[in-house]
Protein backbone atom coordinates (compact mmCIF):
# COMPACT_ATOMS: atom_id res chain seq x y z
CA MET A 1 33.69 145.91 -11.63
CA PRO A 2 31.27 144.93 -14.64
CA LYS A 3 32.42 145.86 -17.56
CA TRP A 4 30.08 147.79 -18.74
CA LYS A 5 30.96 150.46 -16.08
CA ASN A 6 34.53 150.14 -16.86
CA SER A 7 33.12 150.95 -20.26
CA ASN A 8 31.46 154.23 -19.11
CA ALA A 9 34.16 155.39 -17.31
CA VAL A 10 36.59 155.35 -19.90
CA LEU A 11 34.05 157.12 -22.41
CA MET A 12 33.68 159.38 -19.74
CA SER A 13 37.43 160.19 -19.47
CA MET A 14 36.99 160.57 -23.89
CA VAL A 15 34.19 162.66 -23.40
CA ALA A 16 35.84 164.90 -20.81
CA ALA A 17 38.92 165.18 -22.67
CA PHE A 18 37.17 165.75 -26.13
CA ALA A 19 35.53 168.82 -24.38
CA LEU A 20 38.56 170.43 -23.09
CA ALA A 21 40.20 169.86 -26.22
CA GLY A 22 37.13 171.52 -28.65
CA CYS A 23 37.40 174.11 -25.98
CA ASN A 24 41.15 175.56 -26.01
CA ALA A 25 43.81 173.37 -28.00
CA LEU A 26 46.69 175.62 -26.68
CA VAL A 27 47.56 176.73 -22.84
CA SER A 28 50.47 178.34 -21.67
CA GLU A 29 51.89 178.10 -18.34
CA GLU A 30 54.86 179.97 -16.67
CA VAL A 31 58.03 178.18 -16.09
CA GLN A 32 59.40 177.54 -13.10
CA SER A 33 62.28 177.76 -11.82
CA ILE A 34 64.26 175.01 -10.45
CA ALA A 35 66.16 176.09 -6.88
CA GLY A 36 66.07 179.41 -7.36
CA SER A 37 68.50 179.53 -10.29
CA PRO A 38 67.08 181.51 -13.13
CA SER A 39 68.74 179.65 -15.67
CA SER A 40 67.62 176.11 -14.69
CA SER A 41 63.85 176.10 -15.15
CA THR A 42 61.61 172.87 -16.37
CA CYS A 43 58.66 172.54 -18.70
CA ARG A 44 56.13 170.33 -17.95
CA TYR A 45 54.26 170.70 -21.21
CA SER A 46 54.86 168.02 -24.78
CA GLU A 47 55.10 171.62 -26.45
CA GLY A 48 58.21 172.92 -25.01
CA GLU A 49 59.10 176.17 -23.74
CA TYR A 50 58.82 179.82 -25.59
CA ALA A 51 59.52 183.08 -24.77
CA LEU A 52 57.89 186.59 -25.79
CA PRO A 53 60.36 188.98 -28.33
CA LYS A 54 62.14 192.00 -27.10
CA ASP A 55 63.48 194.26 -28.97
CA ILE A 56 67.21 195.83 -28.03
CA LEU A 57 69.17 198.80 -29.98
CA VAL A 58 72.26 198.55 -31.60
CA VAL A 59 74.11 201.88 -31.87
CA ASP A 60 77.62 201.87 -32.97
CA ILE A 61 79.22 205.44 -32.88
CA PHE A 62 82.44 206.08 -35.55
CA ARG A 63 85.00 208.59 -35.82
CA ASP A 64 86.45 209.97 -38.65
CA GLU A 65 90.21 209.22 -38.70
CA GLY A 66 92.07 212.58 -38.41
CA ILE A 67 89.06 214.83 -37.27
CA PRO A 68 88.67 215.13 -33.59
CA ASN A 69 85.38 215.04 -32.02
CA GLN A 70 83.94 214.21 -35.39
CA TYR A 71 81.55 211.55 -34.79
CA THR A 72 78.53 209.78 -36.71
CA SER A 73 76.47 207.10 -35.59
CA GLU A 74 74.22 203.94 -37.14
CA ILE A 75 71.50 202.72 -35.19
CA LYS A 76 69.61 199.13 -35.96
CA LEU A 77 66.91 197.35 -33.77
CA LYS A 78 67.72 193.58 -32.79
CA ARG A 79 64.90 191.07 -32.02
CA THR A 80 66.10 188.91 -28.74
CA ALA A 81 63.85 186.75 -26.20
CA SER A 82 62.39 188.48 -22.88
CA ASP A 83 63.42 186.74 -19.62
CA GLN A 84 60.29 185.54 -18.73
CA HIS A 85 59.55 182.34 -20.33
CA TYR A 86 56.31 179.89 -20.43
CA CYS A 87 55.29 176.52 -21.53
CA LEU A 88 53.20 175.29 -24.16
CA ASP A 89 50.50 172.21 -24.18
CA PHE A 90 48.66 170.77 -27.15
CA LEU A 91 45.44 169.46 -26.05
CA GLY A 92 44.58 166.85 -28.29
CA SER A 93 41.59 165.07 -28.54
CA ALA A 94 41.08 161.40 -27.46
CA LEU A 95 38.37 161.02 -30.16
CA ALA A 96 40.00 162.48 -33.55
CA SER A 97 43.86 162.45 -35.34
CA ASP A 98 45.32 165.70 -34.30
CA ARG A 99 48.37 166.83 -35.05
CA LEU A 100 50.68 170.05 -34.67
CA GLU A 101 53.65 171.24 -35.74
CA ILE A 102 55.13 174.03 -33.74
CA SER A 103 58.42 175.48 -35.17
CA ARG A 104 61.12 178.10 -33.61
CA SER A 105 62.54 180.94 -34.78
CA SER A 106 65.81 180.52 -36.85
CA ALA A 107 66.90 183.85 -35.21
CA ASP A 108 66.30 182.62 -31.83
CA PRO A 109 65.14 179.37 -30.69
CA ARG A 110 63.27 180.89 -27.85
CA LEU A 111 61.02 182.72 -29.84
CA LEU A 112 57.67 180.84 -32.13
CA GLY A 113 58.10 180.60 -36.03
CA SER A 114 54.61 179.21 -36.57
CA ILE A 115 51.96 176.85 -35.21
CA THR A 116 50.52 174.64 -38.39
CA SER A 117 47.77 172.33 -38.09
CA GLU A 118 49.93 170.13 -41.17
CA PHE A 119 53.63 169.61 -42.61
CA GLN A 120 53.74 172.28 -44.85
CA GLY A 121 56.31 174.92 -46.48
CA LYS A 122 56.37 178.53 -44.95
CA THR A 123 54.13 181.24 -45.93
CA LEU A 124 54.55 184.24 -48.11
CA ASP A 125 54.78 186.13 -45.21
CA VAL A 126 57.22 184.48 -43.69
CA GLY A 127 59.45 184.42 -46.79
CA GLU A 128 58.79 188.00 -47.19
CA ALA A 129 60.28 188.37 -43.75
CA PHE A 130 62.93 186.52 -44.50
CA ILE A 131 64.11 188.59 -47.96
CA ASN A 132 63.74 191.42 -45.59
CA ALA A 133 65.72 190.35 -43.07
CA ALA A 134 68.50 189.63 -45.98
CA ALA A 135 67.88 192.67 -47.44
CA GLN A 136 69.13 194.62 -44.44
CA ARG A 137 71.88 192.56 -43.58
CA SER A 138 72.98 193.26 -47.33
CA ALA A 139 72.96 197.18 -46.65
CA ALA A 140 74.23 196.78 -43.56
CA ALA A 141 77.36 195.14 -44.94
CA GLY A 142 77.57 198.07 -47.40
CA ARG A 143 76.97 200.86 -44.46
CA SER A 144 80.60 199.36 -43.20
CA ALA A 145 82.36 198.84 -46.19
CA PHE A 146 81.40 202.76 -47.02
CA ALA A 147 82.45 203.53 -43.31
CA ASN A 148 85.70 201.58 -44.10
CA GLU A 149 86.36 203.65 -47.33
CA GLN A 150 86.08 206.78 -45.49
CA LYS A 151 88.77 205.36 -42.90
CA GLN A 152 86.11 205.37 -40.27
CA ILE A 153 86.85 204.19 -36.66
CA LEU A 154 84.37 202.43 -34.31
CA ALA A 155 84.67 204.45 -31.46
CA GLY A 156 81.78 202.61 -29.77
CA HIS A 157 79.48 199.30 -29.66
CA PHE A 158 76.70 199.37 -27.56
CA GLU A 159 73.59 197.63 -26.98
CA PHE A 160 70.39 197.65 -24.59
CA ASP A 161 66.70 198.05 -24.06
CA PRO A 162 65.90 201.32 -24.20
CA PHE A 163 63.06 200.96 -22.49
CA ASP A 164 65.13 199.98 -19.09
CA ARG A 165 66.23 203.28 -17.29
CA GLY A 166 69.00 201.61 -15.75
CA SER A 167 70.24 200.34 -18.42
CA ILE A 168 69.65 203.42 -21.08
CA THR A 169 70.93 205.71 -18.53
CA ARG A 170 74.45 204.11 -18.11
CA ILE A 171 74.65 203.87 -22.20
CA ASP A 172 73.57 207.46 -22.35
CA GLY A 173 76.54 207.99 -19.66
CA LYS A 174 79.24 206.23 -21.94
CA LEU A 175 77.47 208.21 -24.90
CA ARG A 176 78.04 211.61 -23.80
CA ASP A 177 81.50 211.10 -23.98
CA LEU A 178 80.83 210.14 -27.75
CA ASP A 179 78.60 213.43 -28.00
CA HIS A 180 75.77 211.49 -28.63
CA CYS A 181 72.36 211.05 -26.25
CA ILE A 182 69.36 208.78 -27.20
CA PHE A 183 65.71 208.53 -25.88
CA ILE A 184 62.61 207.78 -26.57
CA ASP A 185 60.00 210.46 -26.79
CA PRO A 186 56.72 210.06 -24.56
CA THR A 187 55.13 212.46 -26.10
CA ASP A 188 51.71 211.55 -27.26
CA ASP A 189 53.11 207.68 -26.13
CA PRO A 190 51.54 206.63 -23.12
CA TYR A 191 53.45 203.37 -23.68
CA VAL A 192 56.52 205.34 -23.30
CA PRO A 193 57.77 206.10 -19.33
CA ALA A 194 57.58 209.74 -18.55
CA TRP A 195 61.22 209.65 -17.35
CA GLN A 196 62.40 209.31 -20.82
CA SER A 197 62.05 212.84 -21.24
CA SER A 198 65.15 214.06 -18.93
CA LEU A 199 67.56 211.56 -19.97
CA CYS A 200 69.49 213.81 -21.90
CA SER A 201 68.46 217.16 -20.25
CA SER A 202 70.75 216.69 -17.65
CA ALA A 203 74.28 216.62 -17.69
CA SER A 204 74.77 213.40 -14.95
CA PRO A 205 71.79 211.85 -15.17
CA THR A 206 71.35 209.45 -11.91
CA VAL A 207 70.88 205.76 -12.73
CA VAL A 208 67.50 205.21 -11.01
CA GLN A 209 66.07 201.49 -11.40
CA SER A 210 62.19 201.84 -12.20
CA GLY A 211 58.81 202.28 -14.50
CA TYR A 212 59.74 199.99 -17.41
CA TYR A 213 56.16 200.78 -18.90
CA GLY A 214 54.52 203.30 -19.48
CA LEU A 215 50.68 202.28 -19.15
CA SER A 216 50.05 202.43 -15.18
CA VAL A 217 47.75 198.98 -15.72
CA ILE A 218 50.20 197.03 -17.22
CA LYS A 219 51.40 195.05 -14.31
CA ALA A 220 55.15 196.10 -13.42
CA SER A 221 55.75 191.93 -12.66
CA SER A 222 55.36 189.47 -16.20
CA SER A 223 54.16 187.02 -13.60
CA LEU A 224 50.36 185.76 -15.26
CA SER A 225 47.49 184.24 -13.08
CA LYS A 226 47.76 181.13 -11.59
CA GLU A 227 45.34 180.28 -14.01
CA SER A 228 47.15 179.16 -17.05
CA PRO A 229 46.29 181.27 -20.35
CA ARG A 230 43.61 180.08 -23.13
CA GLY A 231 46.41 180.26 -26.11
CA VAL A 232 49.23 181.41 -27.09
CA LEU A 233 51.16 184.60 -25.67
CA TYR A 234 52.75 187.01 -27.74
CA ARG A 235 53.25 191.03 -27.59
CA PRO A 236 52.21 193.42 -30.64
CA MET A 237 54.64 195.92 -32.14
CA LEU A 238 54.38 199.13 -31.21
CA THR A 239 55.42 202.41 -32.95
CA HIS A 240 57.28 204.78 -30.85
CA LYS A 241 59.97 207.75 -31.98
CA LEU A 242 63.80 207.55 -31.36
CA VAL A 243 65.38 210.74 -30.69
CA VAL A 244 68.98 211.50 -31.01
CA MET A 245 70.51 214.17 -29.72
CA ARG A 246 74.02 215.68 -30.53
CA ARG A 247 76.59 218.02 -29.48
CA ASP A 248 79.39 220.12 -30.93
CA HIS A 249 82.22 218.91 -28.80
CA ALA A 250 82.66 216.86 -25.56
CA ALA A 251 83.94 219.92 -23.66
CA GLY A 252 80.51 221.70 -23.98
CA GLY A 253 77.56 223.16 -26.12
CA ALA A 254 73.89 222.72 -26.05
CA TRP A 255 72.62 219.45 -27.19
CA LYS A 256 70.49 220.01 -30.13
CA LEU A 257 68.29 217.66 -32.18
CA PHE A 258 69.98 215.68 -34.99
CA GLU A 259 67.92 213.08 -36.05
CA THR A 260 64.28 211.24 -35.26
CA ARG A 261 62.96 208.24 -36.54
CA ARG A 262 59.95 205.58 -35.86
CA VAL A 263 61.01 202.53 -34.29
CA HIS A 264 58.64 199.30 -34.52
CA MET A 265 59.13 197.43 -30.98
CA PRO A 266 56.96 195.18 -28.95
CA ASN A 267 59.01 195.95 -25.58
CA ALA A 268 56.34 198.28 -23.78
CA ALA A 269 52.91 196.16 -24.76
CA PRO A 270 51.53 194.07 -22.30
CA ALA A 271 51.42 190.12 -23.21
CA PHE A 272 48.56 189.46 -25.25
CA SER A 273 47.22 185.56 -26.16
CA LEU A 274 45.27 184.35 -28.99
CA GLU A 275 43.02 181.66 -28.34
CA VAL A 276 43.45 178.70 -30.76
CA LYS A 277 40.66 176.53 -29.76
CA ARG A 278 39.98 172.74 -31.23
CA SER A 279 37.79 173.69 -33.91
CA LEU A 280 40.10 175.77 -35.83
CA PHE A 281 42.12 173.22 -37.39
CA VAL A 282 39.44 170.09 -37.15
CA ASP A 283 39.63 169.22 -40.86
CA ARG A 284 41.36 172.27 -42.48
CA LYS A 285 44.80 173.85 -42.85
CA MET A 286 46.02 176.36 -40.37
CA ASP A 287 49.17 177.88 -40.16
CA ILE A 288 49.82 181.13 -37.67
CA ALA A 289 53.16 182.61 -38.76
CA PHE A 290 54.82 184.64 -36.14
CA ASP A 291 57.99 187.59 -37.25
CA GLY A 292 60.47 186.34 -34.00
CA GLY A 293 57.90 185.80 -31.63
CA VAL A 294 55.34 188.54 -32.72
CA LEU A 295 52.29 187.60 -34.31
CA SER A 296 52.36 188.08 -37.97
CA SER A 297 49.62 186.30 -40.12
CA ILE A 298 46.85 183.52 -39.84
CA LYS A 299 45.55 181.63 -42.81
CA ILE A 300 43.14 178.76 -42.36
CA ASP A 301 41.45 176.85 -45.27
CA LYS A 302 38.08 175.56 -44.32
CA PRO A 303 35.70 173.56 -45.99
CA SER A 304 32.17 175.73 -47.33
CA GLU A 305 29.82 173.79 -44.31
CA ALA A 306 32.58 175.82 -41.55
CA GLU A 307 31.57 179.84 -43.27
CA ALA A 308 29.82 180.31 -39.97
CA PHE A 309 32.94 179.91 -37.80
CA SER A 310 33.35 183.14 -35.87
CA GLY A 311 36.78 183.53 -35.55
CA PHE A 312 39.30 184.29 -32.99
CA VAL A 313 39.70 185.96 -29.42
CA LEU A 314 42.87 188.32 -28.43
CA ARG A 315 43.14 189.30 -24.80
CA THR A 316 45.36 191.48 -22.71
CA MET A 317 47.36 189.58 -20.41
CA GLN A 318 49.62 191.10 -17.32
CA VAL A 319 46.99 193.96 -17.25
CA ILE A 320 44.91 194.56 -14.38
CA VAL A 321 41.85 193.70 -16.01
CA SER A 322 42.21 191.29 -18.90
CA ILE A 323 40.29 192.54 -22.23
CA PRO A 324 38.77 190.16 -24.87
CA VAL A 325 38.24 191.30 -28.31
CA ARG A 326 37.07 189.35 -31.12
CA ALA A 327 39.05 189.27 -34.70
CA LEU A 328 39.85 187.45 -37.72
CA ILE A 329 36.21 186.16 -39.09
CA ILE A 330 37.36 183.21 -41.11
CA GLY A 331 35.88 183.14 -44.65
CA LYS A 332 37.18 186.19 -46.12
CA THR A 333 40.87 186.77 -47.81
CA ASP A 334 44.71 186.71 -46.42
CA THR A 335 44.52 189.59 -46.81
CA GLU A 336 41.11 190.80 -45.50
CA ASN A 337 42.17 188.41 -42.14
CA ARG A 338 45.43 190.34 -42.13
CA ASN A 339 43.74 193.79 -41.60
CA GLU A 340 41.30 192.32 -39.30
CA LEU A 341 43.98 191.17 -36.89
CA ILE A 342 46.04 194.62 -37.33
CA GLN A 343 42.58 196.49 -35.87
CA ALA A 344 41.91 194.30 -33.15
CA GLN A 345 45.29 194.53 -32.02
CA GLY A 346 44.68 198.16 -32.19
CA LYS A 347 41.69 198.01 -30.85
CA LEU A 348 42.97 196.97 -27.81
CA ILE A 349 46.28 198.89 -27.74
CA ALA A 350 43.43 201.95 -27.74
CA THR A 351 41.53 200.55 -25.31
CA LEU A 352 44.27 200.06 -22.71
CA ARG A 353 45.40 203.69 -23.04
CA GLU A 354 41.79 204.85 -22.29
CA TYR A 355 41.26 202.44 -19.57
CA ASP A 356 44.73 203.43 -17.92
CA GLU A 357 43.52 207.32 -18.78
CA ALA A 358 40.21 206.59 -16.47
CA VAL A 359 42.12 204.95 -14.04
CA LYS A 360 44.49 208.10 -13.23
CA GLN A 361 41.89 210.45 -13.66
CA HIS A 362 40.28 208.89 -10.56
CA LYS A 363 43.00 208.18 -8.91
CA ALA A 364 43.57 211.80 -9.42
CA GLU A 365 39.94 212.93 -7.89
CA GLN A 366 40.11 210.75 -5.30
CA ALA A 367 43.47 212.31 -4.02
CA ALA A 368 41.82 215.98 -4.24
CA ILE A 369 39.21 214.71 -2.30
CA SER A 370 40.97 212.99 0.49
CA GLY A 371 44.67 212.97 -0.02
CA ILE A 372 45.10 209.65 -0.31
CA GLN A 373 45.71 207.73 -3.57
CA SER A 374 44.21 204.49 -3.47
CA GLU A 375 42.99 201.92 -6.44
CA PRO A 376 39.51 202.55 -7.92
CA GLN A 377 37.01 200.41 -6.61
CA ARG A 378 34.96 198.54 -8.37
CA ALA A 379 30.94 199.39 -8.52
CA ALA A 380 28.49 196.36 -8.93
CA PHE A 381 27.34 196.53 -12.39
CA VAL A 382 23.06 195.54 -11.29
CA ASN A 383 20.27 195.00 -13.43
CA SER A 384 21.91 196.45 -16.64
CA ASP A 385 20.87 195.34 -19.63
CA PRO A 386 21.73 193.37 -21.94
CA LEU A 387 25.06 192.77 -19.73
CA GLY A 388 23.60 192.40 -16.46
CA SER A 389 22.83 188.73 -15.90
CA ALA A 390 26.21 188.11 -16.65
CA LEU A 391 27.74 191.04 -13.93
CA GLU A 392 26.51 188.78 -10.50
CA SER A 393 30.12 189.29 -9.20
CA GLY A 394 29.93 193.11 -10.07
CA ASN A 395 33.46 193.80 -11.28
CA PHE A 396 34.63 195.31 -14.71
CA ALA A 397 36.37 192.66 -15.24
CA ASP A 398 33.51 190.61 -15.52
CA CYS A 399 31.65 193.43 -17.97
CA ILE A 400 34.36 193.64 -20.16
CA ASN A 401 34.73 189.82 -20.20
CA SER A 402 30.74 189.41 -21.16
CA ALA A 403 30.94 192.04 -23.95
CA ALA A 404 33.64 190.00 -25.98
CA GLY A 405 32.00 189.25 -28.92
CA MET A 406 30.05 193.53 -29.17
CA GLU A 407 31.32 196.66 -30.47
CA SER A 408 32.81 199.36 -28.45
CA ALA A 409 33.01 197.15 -25.64
CA TYR A 410 34.68 199.46 -23.37
CA GLN A 411 32.86 202.54 -23.24
CA LYS A 412 29.73 200.08 -23.34
CA CYS A 413 31.28 199.31 -19.98
CA GLN A 414 31.99 202.56 -18.85
CA LYS A 415 28.78 203.92 -19.21
CA ILE A 416 27.26 201.25 -17.05
CA VAL A 417 29.51 202.10 -14.28
CA GLU A 418 28.54 206.04 -14.72
CA GLU A 419 25.19 205.04 -14.20
CA ASN A 420 25.86 203.10 -11.18
CA GLY A 421 27.83 206.19 -9.90
CA ASN A 422 31.51 205.70 -10.13
CA LEU A 423 33.88 205.63 -12.46
CA GLU A 424 35.34 202.27 -12.16
């Protein structure tokens, strides 16, 4: 082969690698199990495995010594990793010297800690999280000492996922013997499955395995599409109301509201993907911080000529329609960027809620007409300006993806569909 042809082939491969890395620097892929064993898996990517975060409730019931049927409770959250693991790959450039450091959480090595473009110290946010965790441990130690001083005896210790119906039903069955019952209130919270409201209403609840997620548009399976997601996956935190019921004694008596508290958990949210493009950290310092696998802050120092950089894109995964939203316009302060992140996540969470309501309404209308519940059919979006040119395949996903950089993307696509005579 002539030298010039060989050189061209090498150059083309370098250009292809550069183009690939220029688009997306990080990609994720589901870990494949070996021989059907969930404990044995293989990750073919250099950056290793990571898992999405999940919180479990830790409930301790104490009994006052010498006083029968007199119980007190202590409830905490503990961060752990979900069962589904993913592989993370860094697509470096053949034309540049790229380097990323990916750290893991000190609480659980399966959870992400940070992604940074150079070796540097922990960010202020991570430091604050560490201080807060230390304060919580100190407070917990103080409570334990107080319990011992008051001669309280540990009557029961329980750890469980409150969104797992079988698990919380079994635990509530044991808690009833200690005059307690716990559930997460689904009222005005569509991310909580409706069956939660019946957990403390019957004398003998039955164990039924179903309905982890409250939203119907979230896939029951955690499996993603065959195409590797662009970026790194995480779950956002959602706020729910935890309800603790008590009764006077185990022999009888009605359940009474004892306590409600706000809990912040990622369990009921679908996976979000943070798209990380190579242009984010070339000639810049980048630090993406995670608090126990949950995205907490993004910091980027950049040269002045990059002021026009457009920012990040968050995208829903594990949902029947992938919905993107643009966020974090670089060039602002860390506080402004953090607020942008919160607003972007809130926008996605609200959009999912609206979309879920639209799907349920459409199913109800279809059932009323034909008596058959079916998935809503996506209408063709034809000649719809300014999105019409991007909607040749004619489905809602194309519309919402085309509107990634627009304000009120969901409303725009909904209007287009309605003008075509169909809800979806």
